[in-house]
């Protein structure tokens, strides 16, 4: 039985180096820049679908070829099975026809014999053309030879002289008679026995051939299955690769937008915004760069305005403070108690205004552009200790105990802003801490982050105000009720300085039996500049 193999699809292995992949991606990016986002999405969808369509088409072709092969094989097996069965039946029928013809010698039996003989030869010829089994083919050829031998033997027997009447029958009692009966009865029986035995062998051989054909069909089915799996293993990864490439081409500009917007959000206006990708996204990138230019201009104008206003305010304020000091020192003459009270009010308010102006300058620099802000390695434990030394007199004045738990910690940052963070948090704790109270100062480095915590035992912060106290000029209700003076800018400065270091500041209740607040700062050791 001739086997027809279903097509298998060969693959070619290529080697891709990082340099060639980089060049290919660069060329692809340049090509993508000529398309719009809609065109890129449509092209990506089409290119991602094509490999899947090819996989389905090739798999369908393989299945169709296997179906045709299976159909032909099934028909051939059915025909061989049927014809081998019919062959055995025809051999038995042929034996009966021959014996009837040899006994009766009538034309009807003769015609029936010739018909049976032709049917046997016809079936044998058909089986020879339909099988490619060499053993079965040889057995069929042998059966054909025996059939022809039987045909010749029957013709020889028929050609013997026959008497016209019973009285004319030859003498069968002698030796010649015995030989004649032997020819008539034994010679055909021997041939029939051989033919029937060969017919049985042909049936058994055909059954074995059919079993082999079924095994080959199962093997062919396994090959078709492997072919489909191979097609799927080739084209599905290709589709996934195409999808991943276009996802990268589409999401890469989005990630660039995200980085640019984040930089604008934290006040970094010094980095030029350049977005690569489809033409419409590049246009949006250009508009974002225009926005950065406008924000840079506004920021510079704001900084200049703050500096000018601060300068214009500080000069007359210094004159007022100097004049009030001269009056208080009675340089220009003696003053009475009422005048001294007024002068002290003037000195207090001028000092407060001067402090407020300094905080405005600090807040403007902290909340403004990061342009010109220099980062360096800062030993935070030494910096905290330096700030604490500046507060020793204020701590003694309120009899406040300061508990320090400072672990070694070094981070990259702007020293001036880091000092402002510690200074304002400690100043806030001293202002709100009760007389003879306790302040805890904790510093540690864990998991690549700097952790700074300042706890006091003051009135604390109400939960509904914990998100508001970091807004400029906002003063908590507990501070107002306790009569604590302040500008409302200290914690706002802390938030801006922490944000410039990609950190976070929050407030909660102090973890102690006493009331109070705990301010926690968390900043990366190496923030991205």
Protein backbone atom coordinates (compact mmCIF):
# COMPACT_ATOMS: atom_id res chain seq x y z
CA UNK A 1 0.00 0.00 0.00
CA UNK A 2 1.59 3.27 -1.12
CA UNK A 3 2.10 5.81 1.68
CA UNK A 4 1.64 9.50 1.04
CA UNK A 5 3.18 11.75 3.64
CA UNK A 6 1.47 14.90 4.79
CA UNK A 7 3.58 18.04 4.38
CA UNK A 8 5.78 19.09 7.26
CA UNK A 9 7.11 22.60 7.46
CA UNK A 10 10.83 23.11 7.82
CA UNK A 11 12.32 25.90 9.95
CA UNK A 12 15.56 27.78 9.49
CA UNK A 13 17.67 28.78 12.50
CA UNK A 14 19.19 32.23 12.50
CA UNK A 15 21.50 33.88 15.00
CA UNK A 16 20.56 37.35 16.29
CA UNK A 17 23.29 39.36 18.01
CA UNK A 18 22.55 42.24 20.42
CA UNK A 19 24.12 44.72 17.98
CA UNK A 20 21.92 43.59 15.09
CA UNK A 21 18.85 43.62 17.35
CA UNK A 22 19.67 47.18 18.43
CA UNK A 23 20.13 48.31 14.83
CA UNK A 24 16.88 46.64 13.82
CA UNK A 25 15.00 48.29 16.68
CA UNK A 26 16.49 51.68 15.77
CA UNK A 27 15.42 51.29 12.15
CA UNK A 28 11.99 50.16 13.28
CA UNK A 29 11.66 53.18 15.57
CA UNK A 30 12.59 55.53 12.73
CA UNK A 31 10.04 53.81 10.52
CA UNK A 32 7.37 54.07 13.20
CA UNK A 33 7.94 57.82 13.52
CA UNK A 34 6.40 58.22 10.05
CA UNK A 35 3.08 56.74 11.14
CA UNK A 36 0.32 58.00 13.36
CA UNK A 37 -0.83 56.14 16.44
CA UNK A 38 -3.94 54.85 14.66
CA UNK A 39 -1.90 53.58 11.70
CA UNK A 40 0.56 51.94 14.07
CA UNK A 41 -2.22 50.15 15.96
CA UNK A 42 -3.80 48.93 12.71
CA UNK A 43 -0.45 47.78 11.32
CA UNK A 44 0.41 46.02 14.57
CA UNK A 45 -2.94 44.24 14.63
CA UNK A 46 -2.54 43.13 11.00
CA UNK A 47 1.03 41.90 11.45
CA UNK A 48 0.07 40.09 14.65
CA UNK A 49 -2.87 38.35 12.96
CA UNK A 50 -0.97 37.24 9.83
CA UNK A 51 1.18 34.56 11.58
CA UNK A 52 -1.90 33.16 13.28
CA UNK A 53 -3.75 33.04 9.98
CA UNK A 54 -0.79 31.27 8.36
CA UNK A 55 -0.67 28.76 11.21
CA UNK A 56 -4.38 28.03 10.80
CA UNK A 57 -4.03 27.78 7.01
CA UNK A 58 -1.07 25.40 7.13
CA UNK A 59 -2.74 23.30 9.82
CA UNK A 60 -5.94 23.15 7.78
CA UNK A 61 -3.96 22.09 4.70
CA UNK A 62 -2.21 19.35 6.68
CA UNK A 63 -5.51 18.12 8.10
CA UNK A 64 -7.14 18.18 4.68
CA UNK A 65 -4.28 16.18 3.16
CA UNK A 66 -4.45 13.69 6.02
CA UNK A 67 -8.22 13.41 5.62
CA UNK A 68 -7.84 12.58 1.92
CA UNK A 69 -5.10 10.08 2.71
CA UNK A 70 -7.21 8.48 5.44
CA UNK A 71 -10.23 8.30 3.15
CA UNK A 72 -8.26 6.58 0.39
CA UNK A 73 -6.69 4.21 2.88
CA UNK A 74 -10.07 3.35 4.42
CA UNK A 75 -11.57 2.64 0.99
CA UNK A 76 -8.60 0.50 0.01
CA UNK A 77 -8.69 -1.46 3.27
CA UNK A 78 -12.42 -2.00 2.91
CA UNK A 79 -12.03 -3.21 -0.68
CA UNK A 80 -9.18 -5.59 0.19
CA UNK A 81 -11.13 -6.98 3.16
CA UNK A 82 -14.25 -7.45 1.07
CA UNK A 83 -12.45 -8.97 -1.91
CA UNK A 84 -10.41 -11.42 0.16
CA UNK A 85 -13.67 -12.61 1.72
CA UNK A 86 -15.34 -12.83 -1.69
CA UNK A 87 -12.26 -14.63 -3.03
CA UNK A 88 -12.58 -17.40 -0.46
CA UNK A 89 -16.27 -17.71 -1.26
CA UNK A 90 -15.58 -17.84 -5.00
CA UNK A 91 -12.95 -20.52 -4.52
CA UNK A 92 -15.47 -22.73 -2.72
CA UNK A 93 -18.11 -21.97 -5.33
CA UNK A 94 -15.60 -22.71 -8.09
CA UNK A 95 -14.88 -26.10 -6.51
CA UNK A 96 -18.58 -26.97 -6.51
CA UNK A 97 -19.07 -25.80 -10.10
CA UNK A 98 -16.11 -27.81 -11.37
CA UNK A 99 -17.21 -30.98 -9.63
CA UNK A 100 -20.76 -30.60 -10.90
CA UNK A 101 -19.49 -29.99 -14.40
CA UNK A 102 -17.15 -33.00 -14.33
CA UNK A 103 -19.97 -35.24 -13.20
CA UNK A 104 -22.87 -33.93 -15.26
CA UNK A 105 -21.00 -32.56 -18.30
CA UNK A 106 -23.95 -30.25 -19.05
CA UNK A 107 -23.65 -26.86 -20.80
CA UNK A 108 -25.26 -25.03 -17.85
CA UNK A 109 -22.65 -26.38 -15.44
CA UNK A 110 -19.93 -25.62 -17.92
CA UNK A 111 -21.07 -22.01 -18.23
CA UNK A 112 -21.31 -21.69 -14.44
CA UNK A 113 -17.77 -23.08 -14.08
CA UNK A 114 -16.35 -20.70 -16.68
CA UNK A 115 -18.09 -17.78 -14.94
CA UNK A 116 -16.71 -18.79 -11.52
CA UNK A 117 -13.23 -19.19 -13.00
CA UNK A 118 -13.34 -15.71 -14.56
CA UNK A 119 -14.59 -14.17 -11.28
CA UNK A 120 -11.72 -15.73 -9.34
CA UNK A 121 -9.17 -14.44 -11.85
CA UNK A 122 -10.80 -11.00 -11.86
CA UNK A 123 -10.70 -10.72 -8.06
CA UNK A 124 -7.08 -11.88 -7.98
CA UNK A 125 -6.12 -9.30 -10.61
CA UNK A 126 -7.86 -6.52 -8.67
CA UNK A 127 -6.16 -7.49 -5.43
CA UNK A 128 -2.77 -7.55 -7.16
CA UNK A 129 -3.26 -3.97 -8.38
CA UNK A 130 -4.55 -2.74 -5.01
CA UNK A 131 -1.83 -4.08 -2.73
CA UNK A 132 1.83 -3.24 -2.34
CA UNK A 133 2.51 -6.05 0.15
CA UNK A 134 5.14 -8.30 -1.46
CA UNK A 135 4.05 -11.44 0.44
CA UNK A 136 0.40 -10.94 -0.44
CA UNK A 137 1.37 -10.13 -3.99
CA UNK A 138 3.30 -13.43 -4.29
CA UNK A 139 0.43 -15.43 -2.82
CA UNK A 140 -2.01 -13.91 -5.29
CA UNK A 141 0.33 -14.72 -8.18
CA UNK A 142 0.57 -18.32 -6.93
CA UNK A 143 -3.21 -18.51 -6.69
CA UNK A 144 -3.50 -17.27 -10.26
CA UNK A 145 -1.07 -19.99 -11.41
CA UNK A 146 -3.09 -22.66 -9.56
CA UNK A 147 -6.31 -21.33 -11.06
CA UNK A 148 -4.84 -21.58 -14.56
CA UNK A 149 -3.55 -25.08 -13.78
CA UNK A 150 -7.03 -26.08 -12.64
CA UNK A 151 -8.46 -24.62 -15.80
CA UNK A 152 -6.09 -26.64 -17.98
CA UNK A 153 -6.64 -29.79 -15.95
CA UNK A 154 -10.40 -29.51 -16.25
CA UNK A 155 -10.08 -29.00 -20.01
CA UNK A 156 -7.90 -32.09 -20.24
CA UNK A 157 -10.38 -34.16 -18.29
CA UNK A 158 -13.26 -32.88 -20.36
CA UNK A 159 -11.44 -33.84 -23.57
CA UNK A 160 -11.38 -37.60 -22.60
CA UNK A 161 -13.67 -39.90 -24.77
CA UNK A 162 -17.13 -40.32 -23.31
CA UNK A 163 -19.64 -43.06 -24.36
CA UNK A 164 -22.94 -42.05 -25.91
CA UNK A 165 -24.89 -44.54 -23.79
CA UNK A 166 -24.31 -46.69 -20.77
CA UNK A 167 -23.45 -49.63 -22.95
CA UNK A 168 -20.77 -47.61 -24.66
CA UNK A 169 -18.99 -46.50 -21.45
CA UNK A 170 -15.37 -47.55 -21.34
CA UNK A 171 -14.34 -50.44 -19.19
CA UNK A 172 -13.56 -48.83 -15.88
CA UNK A 173 -12.80 -52.08 -14.09
CA UNK A 174 -9.38 -52.44 -15.60
CA UNK A 175 -6.24 -50.43 -14.98
CA UNK A 176 -7.19 -47.78 -17.52
CA UNK A 177 -10.54 -47.34 -15.82
CA UNK A 178 -8.98 -46.90 -12.47
CA UNK A 179 -6.58 -44.30 -13.88
CA UNK A 180 -9.49 -42.43 -15.50
CA UNK A 181 -11.43 -42.27 -12.23
CA UNK A 182 -8.29 -41.08 -10.49
CA UNK A 183 -7.92 -38.25 -12.97
CA UNK A 184 -11.54 -37.26 -12.67
CA UNK A 185 -11.72 -37.27 -8.88
CA UNK A 186 -8.25 -36.81 -7.38
CA UNK A 187 -6.36 -34.35 -9.52
CA UNK A 188 -8.93 -31.55 -9.19
CA UNK A 189 -9.28 -32.22 -5.43
CA UNK A 190 -5.54 -31.73 -4.93
CA UNK A 191 -5.67 -28.46 -6.82
CA UNK A 192 -8.73 -27.33 -4.90
CA UNK A 193 -7.09 -28.16 -1.58
CA UNK A 194 -4.06 -26.10 -2.54
CA UNK A 195 -6.21 -23.22 -3.77
CA UNK A 196 -8.40 -23.20 -0.65
CA UNK A 197 -5.36 -23.36 1.61
CA UNK A 198 -3.74 -20.54 -0.34
CA UNK A 199 -6.98 -18.56 -0.11
CA UNK A 200 -6.89 -18.87 3.68
CA UNK A 201 -3.26 -17.73 3.72
CA UNK A 202 -4.20 -14.78 1.51
CA UNK A 203 -6.88 -13.82 4.05
CA UNK A 204 -4.44 -13.99 6.95
CA UNK A 205 -1.78 -12.05 5.03
CA UNK A 206 -4.34 -9.43 4.02
CA UNK A 207 -5.37 -9.05 7.69
CA UNK A 208 -1.73 -8.50 8.69
CA UNK A 209 -1.30 -6.02 5.83
CA UNK A 210 -4.39 -4.15 7.02
CA UNK A 211 -2.98 -4.04 10.56
CA UNK A 212 0.24 -2.55 9.20
CA UNK A 213 -1.78 -0.04 7.20
CA UNK A 214 -3.70 1.00 10.32
CA UNK A 215 -0.41 1.38 12.21
CA UNK A 216 0.96 3.51 9.37
CA UNK A 217 -2.22 5.58 9.46
CA UNK A 218 -1.78 6.17 13.20
CA UNK A 219 1.85 7.12 12.59
CA UNK A 220 0.76 9.53 9.88
CA UNK A 221 -1.82 11.01 12.27
CA UNK A 222 0.93 11.55 14.85
CA UNK A 223 3.05 13.26 12.20
CA UNK A 224 0.17 15.55 11.27
CA UNK A 225 -0.32 16.36 14.94
CA UNK A 226 3.37 17.13 15.30
CA UNK A 227 3.16 19.27 12.17
CA UNK A 228 0.29 21.28 13.66
CA UNK A 229 2.15 21.64 16.95
CA UNK A 230 5.24 22.72 15.02
CA UNK A 231 3.25 25.32 13.11
CA UNK A 232 1.74 26.55 16.35
CA UNK A 233 5.15 26.59 18.01
CA UNK A 234 6.54 28.68 15.15
CA UNK A 235 3.75 31.10 14.31
CA UNK A 236 2.31 31.74 17.79
CA UNK A 237 5.70 32.95 19.16
CA UNK A 238 6.07 35.06 16.02
CA UNK A 239 2.67 36.62 16.73
CA UNK A 240 3.62 37.18 20.36
CA UNK A 241 6.92 38.71 19.26
CA UNK A 242 5.13 41.07 16.85
CA UNK A 243 2.63 41.97 19.56
CA UNK A 244 5.39 42.64 22.10
CA UNK A 245 7.29 44.78 19.59
CA UNK A 246 4.25 46.94 18.83
CA UNK A 247 3.33 47.13 22.51
CA UNK A 248 6.84 48.43 23.15
CA UNK A 249 6.55 50.89 20.26
CA UNK A 250 3.23 52.17 21.58
CA UNK A 251 3.94 52.14 25.32
CA UNK A 252 7.46 53.55 25.04
CA UNK A 253 6.18 57.08 24.20
CA UNK A 254 3.59 56.69 26.97
CA UNK A 255 6.36 55.89 29.45
CA UNK A 256 8.29 58.90 28.16
CA UNK A 257 5.20 61.05 28.77
CA UNK A 258 4.90 59.59 32.27
CA UNK A 259 8.52 60.39 33.10
CA UNK A 260 8.24 63.89 31.65
CA UNK A 261 5.04 64.66 33.56
CA UNK A 262 6.52 63.27 36.77
CA UNK A 263 9.58 65.48 36.35
CA UNK A 264 7.35 68.49 35.77
CA UNK A 265 5.30 67.51 38.82
CA UNK A 266 8.31 67.47 41.14
CA UNK A 267 9.55 70.76 39.68
CA UNK A 268 12.39 69.44 37.53
CA UNK A 269 12.28 71.87 34.62
CA UNK A 270 15.86 71.59 33.44
CA UNK A 271 15.57 68.36 31.40
CA UNK A 272 14.46 68.81 27.80
CA UNK A 273 11.40 66.75 26.87
CA UNK A 274 11.82 64.74 23.66
CA UNK A 275 9.27 62.01 22.91
CA UNK A 276 9.97 59.45 20.18
CA UNK A 277 7.31 57.35 18.48
CA UNK A 278 4.34 57.97 16.18
CA UNK A 279 3.97 61.41 14.67
CA UNK A 280 0.95 62.47 16.74
CA UNK A 281 2.63 61.42 20.00
CA UNK A 282 5.79 63.27 18.99
CA UNK A 283 3.62 66.34 18.42
CA UNK A 284 2.22 65.98 21.96
CA UNK A 285 5.79 65.71 23.21
CA UNK A 286 6.60 68.99 21.47
CA UNK A 287 3.62 70.63 23.15
CA UNK A 288 4.80 69.25 26.49
CA UNK A 289 8.24 70.74 25.84
CA UNK A 290 6.54 74.07 25.11
CA UNK A 291 4.74 73.76 28.45
CA UNK A 292 8.07 73.09 30.17
CA UNK A 293 9.50 76.26 28.64
CA UNK A 294 6.50 78.24 29.86
CA UNK A 295 6.76 76.78 33.35
CA UNK A 296 10.48 77.51 33.41
CA UNK A 297 9.81 81.11 32.46
CA UNK A 298 7.09 81.43 35.10
CA UNK A 299 9.27 79.81 37.74
CA UNK A 300 12.13 82.17 37.04
CA UNK A 301 9.73 85.10 37.16
CA UNK A 302 8.33 83.86 40.48
CA UNK A 303 11.77 83.41 41.98
CA UNK A 304 12.78 86.83 40.80
CA UNK A 305 9.58 88.30 42.22
CA UNK A 306 10.16 86.63 45.61
CA UNK A 307 13.74 87.87 45.71
CA UNK A 308 12.75 91.40 44.75
CA UNK A 309 9.89 91.55 47.23
CA UNK A 310 12.04 90.06 49.96
CA UNK A 311 14.75 92.57 49.29
CA UNK A 312 12.30 95.47 49.16
CA UNK A 313 10.68 94.34 52.41
CA UNK A 314 13.81 93.49 54.32
CA UNK A 315 15.46 96.89 53.79
CA UNK A 316 12.70 99.06 55.36
CA UNK A 317 12.03 96.33 57.89
CA UNK A 318 15.65 96.40 58.97
CA UNK A 319 15.45 100.19 59.27
CA UNK A 320 12.32 99.95 61.42
CA UNK A 321 13.93 97.29 63.59
CA UNK A 322 17.10 99.38 63.95
CA UNK A 323 15.11 102.48 64.85
CA UNK A 324 13.06 100.58 67.42
CA UNK A 325 16.26 99.20 68.89
CA UNK A 326 17.71 102.70 69.21
CA UNK A 327 14.55 103.86 70.94
CA UNK A 328 14.64 100.87 73.28
CA UNK A 329 18.26 101.62 74.15
CA UNK A 330 17.24 105.27 74.86
CA UNK A 331 19.92 106.58 72.54
CA UNK A 332 17.76 109.50 71.51
CA UNK A 333 16.34 110.15 74.95
CA UNK A 334 14.57 108.57 77.84
CA UNK A 335 11.25 106.76 77.34
CA UNK A 336 8.47 105.91 79.75
CA UNK A 337 6.98 102.49 80.42
CA UNK A 338 4.14 102.87 77.92
CA UNK A 339 6.56 103.84 75.19
CA UNK A 340 8.78 100.86 76.08
CA UNK A 341 5.79 98.53 75.71
CA UNK A 342 5.04 99.92 72.26
CA UNK A 343 8.69 99.58 71.24
CA UNK A 344 8.77 95.94 72.41
CA UNK A 345 5.68 95.23 70.30
CA UNK A 346 7.42 96.80 67.31
CA UNK A 347 10.58 94.75 67.89
CA UNK A 348 8.56 91.53 68.27
CA UNK A 349 6.59 92.08 65.10
CA UNK A 350 9.58 93.15 63.05
CA UNK A 351 11.39 89.97 64.17
CA UNK A 352 8.33 87.95 63.23
CA UNK A 353 8.12 89.62 59.82
CA UNK A 354 11.81 89.01 59.25
CA UNK A 355 11.38 85.34 60.14
CA UNK A 356 8.33 85.09 57.86
CA UNK A 357 10.25 86.61 54.96
CA UNK A 358 13.06 84.10 55.45
CA UNK A 359 10.55 81.25 55.47
CA UNK A 360 8.91 82.59 52.32
CA UNK A 361 12.31 82.59 50.63
CA UNK A 362 12.95 79.03 51.83
CA UNK A 363 9.52 77.86 50.67
CA UNK A 364 9.96 79.50 47.29
CA UNK A 365 13.30 77.81 46.75
CA UNK A 366 11.99 74.45 47.99
CA UNK A 367 8.77 74.46 45.97
CA UNK A 368 10.30 75.91 42.84
CA UNK A 369 12.32 74.40 40.04
CA UNK A 370 14.99 71.84 40.84
CA UNK A 371 17.26 73.57 38.38
CA UNK A 372 20.58 74.37 39.99
CA UNK A 373 19.93 72.17 43.04
CA UNK A 374 23.11 70.16 43.66
CA UNK A 375 23.09 66.73 45.29
CA UNK A 376 25.99 65.33 47.27
CA UNK A 377 26.70 62.62 49.83
CA UNK A 378 25.45 63.82 53.22
CA UNK A 379 26.14 62.23 56.61
CA UNK A 380 22.66 62.54 58.07
CA UNK A 381 23.66 61.62 61.62
CA UNK A 382 26.20 64.47 61.76
CA UNK A 383 23.70 66.85 60.14
CA UNK A 384 21.02 66.00 62.73
CA UNK A 385 23.50 66.46 65.57
CA UNK A 386 24.50 69.87 64.18
CA UNK A 387 20.85 70.97 64.10
CA UNK A 388 20.31 69.68 67.65
CA UNK A 389 23.23 71.78 68.91
CA UNK A 390 21.50 74.90 67.56
CA UNK A 391 18.40 74.05 69.63
CA UNK A 392 20.10 73.42 72.96
CA UNK A 393 19.15 76.83 74.40
CA UNK A 394 15.50 76.51 73.33
CA UNK A 395 15.31 73.01 74.78
CA UNK A 396 16.74 74.21 78.09
CA UNK A 397 14.36 77.17 78.15
CA UNK A 398 11.37 74.75 78.15
CA UNK A 399 13.16 72.03 80.18
CA UNK A 400 12.52 69.60 77.33
CA UNK A 401 14.35 66.27 77.30
CA UNK A 402 15.62 65.17 73.90
CA UNK A 403 16.04 61.43 73.32
CA UNK A 404 18.22 60.67 70.31
CA UNK A 405 18.39 57.28 68.59
CA UNK A 406 20.62 58.04 65.65
CA UNK A 407 22.05 55.23 63.53
CA UNK A 408 24.74 55.82 60.89
CA UNK A 409 23.09 56.93 57.65
CA UNK A 410 24.52 58.53 54.52
CA UNK A 411 22.37 59.59 51.58
CA UNK A 412 22.62 61.59 48.39
CA UNK A 413 20.82 64.91 48.60
CA UNK A 414 20.94 68.65 48.87
CA UNK A 415 22.49 69.53 52.22
CA UNK A 416 20.60 72.80 52.62
CA UNK A 417 17.21 71.19 51.99
CA UNK A 418 17.97 68.22 54.23
CA UNK A 419 18.92 70.63 57.01
CA UNK A 420 15.64 72.51 56.48
CA UNK A 421 13.74 69.23 56.92
CA UNK A 422 15.39 68.44 60.25
CA UNK A 423 15.30 72.08 61.39
CA UNK A 424 11.59 72.61 60.74
CA UNK A 425 10.52 69.27 62.21
CA UNK A 426 12.54 69.87 65.36
CA UNK A 427 11.31 73.47 65.57
CA UNK A 428 7.72 72.27 65.26
CA UNK A 429 8.27 69.68 68.01
CA UNK A 430 9.83 72.26 70.36
CA UNK A 431 6.96 74.69 69.79
CA UNK A 432 4.21 72.16 70.48
CA UNK A 433 5.96 70.13 73.19
CA UNK A 434 4.69 70.81 76.70
CA UNK A 435 6.89 72.28 79.43
CA UNK A 436 9.38 69.72 80.81
CA UNK A 437 8.22 67.36 78.10
CA UNK A 438 10.08 64.86 75.96
CA UNK A 439 11.04 64.84 72.29
CA UNK A 440 12.28 61.69 70.56
CA UNK A 441 14.49 61.89 67.48
CA UNK A 442 15.05 58.68 65.49
CA UNK A 443 17.26 58.14 62.44
CA UNK A 444 17.88 54.85 60.61
CA UNK A 445 18.61 53.39 57.20
CA UNK A 446 16.50 50.38 56.09
CA UNK A 447 16.00 48.78 52.71
CA UNK A 448 17.64 51.55 50.72
CA UNK A 449 15.58 54.29 52.41
CA UNK A 450 16.36 56.87 55.07
CA UNK A 451 13.85 56.93 57.94
CA UNK A 452 13.64 60.06 60.09
CA UNK A 453 11.07 60.35 62.86
CA UNK A 454 10.38 63.21 65.31
CA UNK A 455 7.96 62.61 68.21
CA UNK A 456 6.65 65.11 70.72
CA UNK A 457 4.19 64.97 73.62
CA UNK A 458 2.20 68.03 72.65
CA UNK A 459 -1.52 68.24 71.80
CA UNK A 460 -1.08 66.17 68.62
CA UNK A 461 -2.87 66.60 65.29
CA UNK A 462 -6.50 65.78 64.67
CA UNK A 463 -7.02 63.01 62.05
CA UNK A 464 -9.05 65.29 59.78
CA UNK A 465 -6.21 67.85 59.72
CA UNK A 466 -3.29 65.51 59.02
CA UNK A 467 -3.46 66.13 55.29
CA UNK A 468 -3.91 69.89 55.68
CA UNK A 469 -1.07 70.83 57.98
CA UNK A 470 1.42 70.44 55.12
CA UNK A 471 -0.37 73.13 53.10
CA UNK A 472 1.18 76.63 53.09
CA UNK A 473 -0.05 78.97 55.87
CA UNK A 474 -2.30 76.32 57.44
CA UNK A 475 -2.16 76.16 61.23
CA UNK A 476 -3.75 73.31 63.15
CA UNK A 477 -6.61 73.94 65.54
CA UNK A 478 -4.61 72.47 68.43
CA UNK A 479 -1.86 75.00 67.78
CA UNK A 480 -4.30 77.87 67.66
CA UNK A 481 -6.00 76.70 70.85
CA UNK A 482 -2.64 76.39 72.63
CA UNK A 483 -1.61 79.85 71.47
CA UNK A 484 1.43 78.56 69.56
CA UNK A 485 2.70 81.17 67.17
CA UNK A 486 3.91 80.28 63.69
CA UNK A 487 3.76 81.21 60.04
CA UNK A 488 2.26 77.95 58.80
CA UNK A 489 5.10 77.47 56.34
CA UNK A 490 7.44 75.17 58.27
CA UNK A 491 5.70 71.87 57.45
CA UNK A 492 4.99 73.03 53.89
CA UNK A 493 8.73 73.57 53.46
CA UNK A 494 9.35 70.07 54.88
CA UNK A 495 6.94 68.53 52.37
CA UNK A 496 8.52 70.31 49.40
CA UNK A 497 12.06 69.44 50.45
CA UNK A 498 11.11 65.80 51.00
CA UNK A 499 9.34 65.68 47.62
CA UNK A 500 12.44 67.05 45.89
CA UNK A 501 14.24 63.94 47.22
CA UNK A 502 11.43 61.60 45.95
CA UNK A 503 10.38 60.97 49.53
CA UNK A 504 7.24 61.11 51.62
CA UNK A 505 6.31 62.71 54.96
CA UNK A 506 3.33 61.81 57.12
CA UNK A 507 2.02 62.45 60.61
CA UNK A 508 0.34 60.14 63.10
CA UNK A 509 -0.21 59.80 66.81
CA UNK A 510 2.91 59.29 68.88
CA UNK A 511 3.51 55.65 69.76
CA UNK A 512 3.50 56.19 73.52
CA UNK A 513 1.16 56.50 76.44
CA UNK A 514 1.39 60.28 76.19
CA UNK A 515 -0.44 62.42 73.69
CA UNK A 516 1.49 63.98 70.86
CA UNK A 517 2.38 63.70 67.21
CA UNK A 518 4.93 61.66 65.29
CA UNK A 519 6.27 63.01 61.99
CA UNK A 520 7.85 60.33 59.79
CA UNK A 521 10.03 61.06 56.75
CA UNK A 522 10.98 58.34 54.27
CA UNK A 523 13.44 59.18 51.47
CA UNK A 524 15.50 56.98 49.11
CA UNK A 525 19.19 56.84 49.89
CA UNK A 526 20.01 57.53 46.23
CA UNK A 527 17.16 59.57 44.73
CA UNK A 528 17.04 59.97 40.96
CA UNK A 529 18.23 63.44 40.11
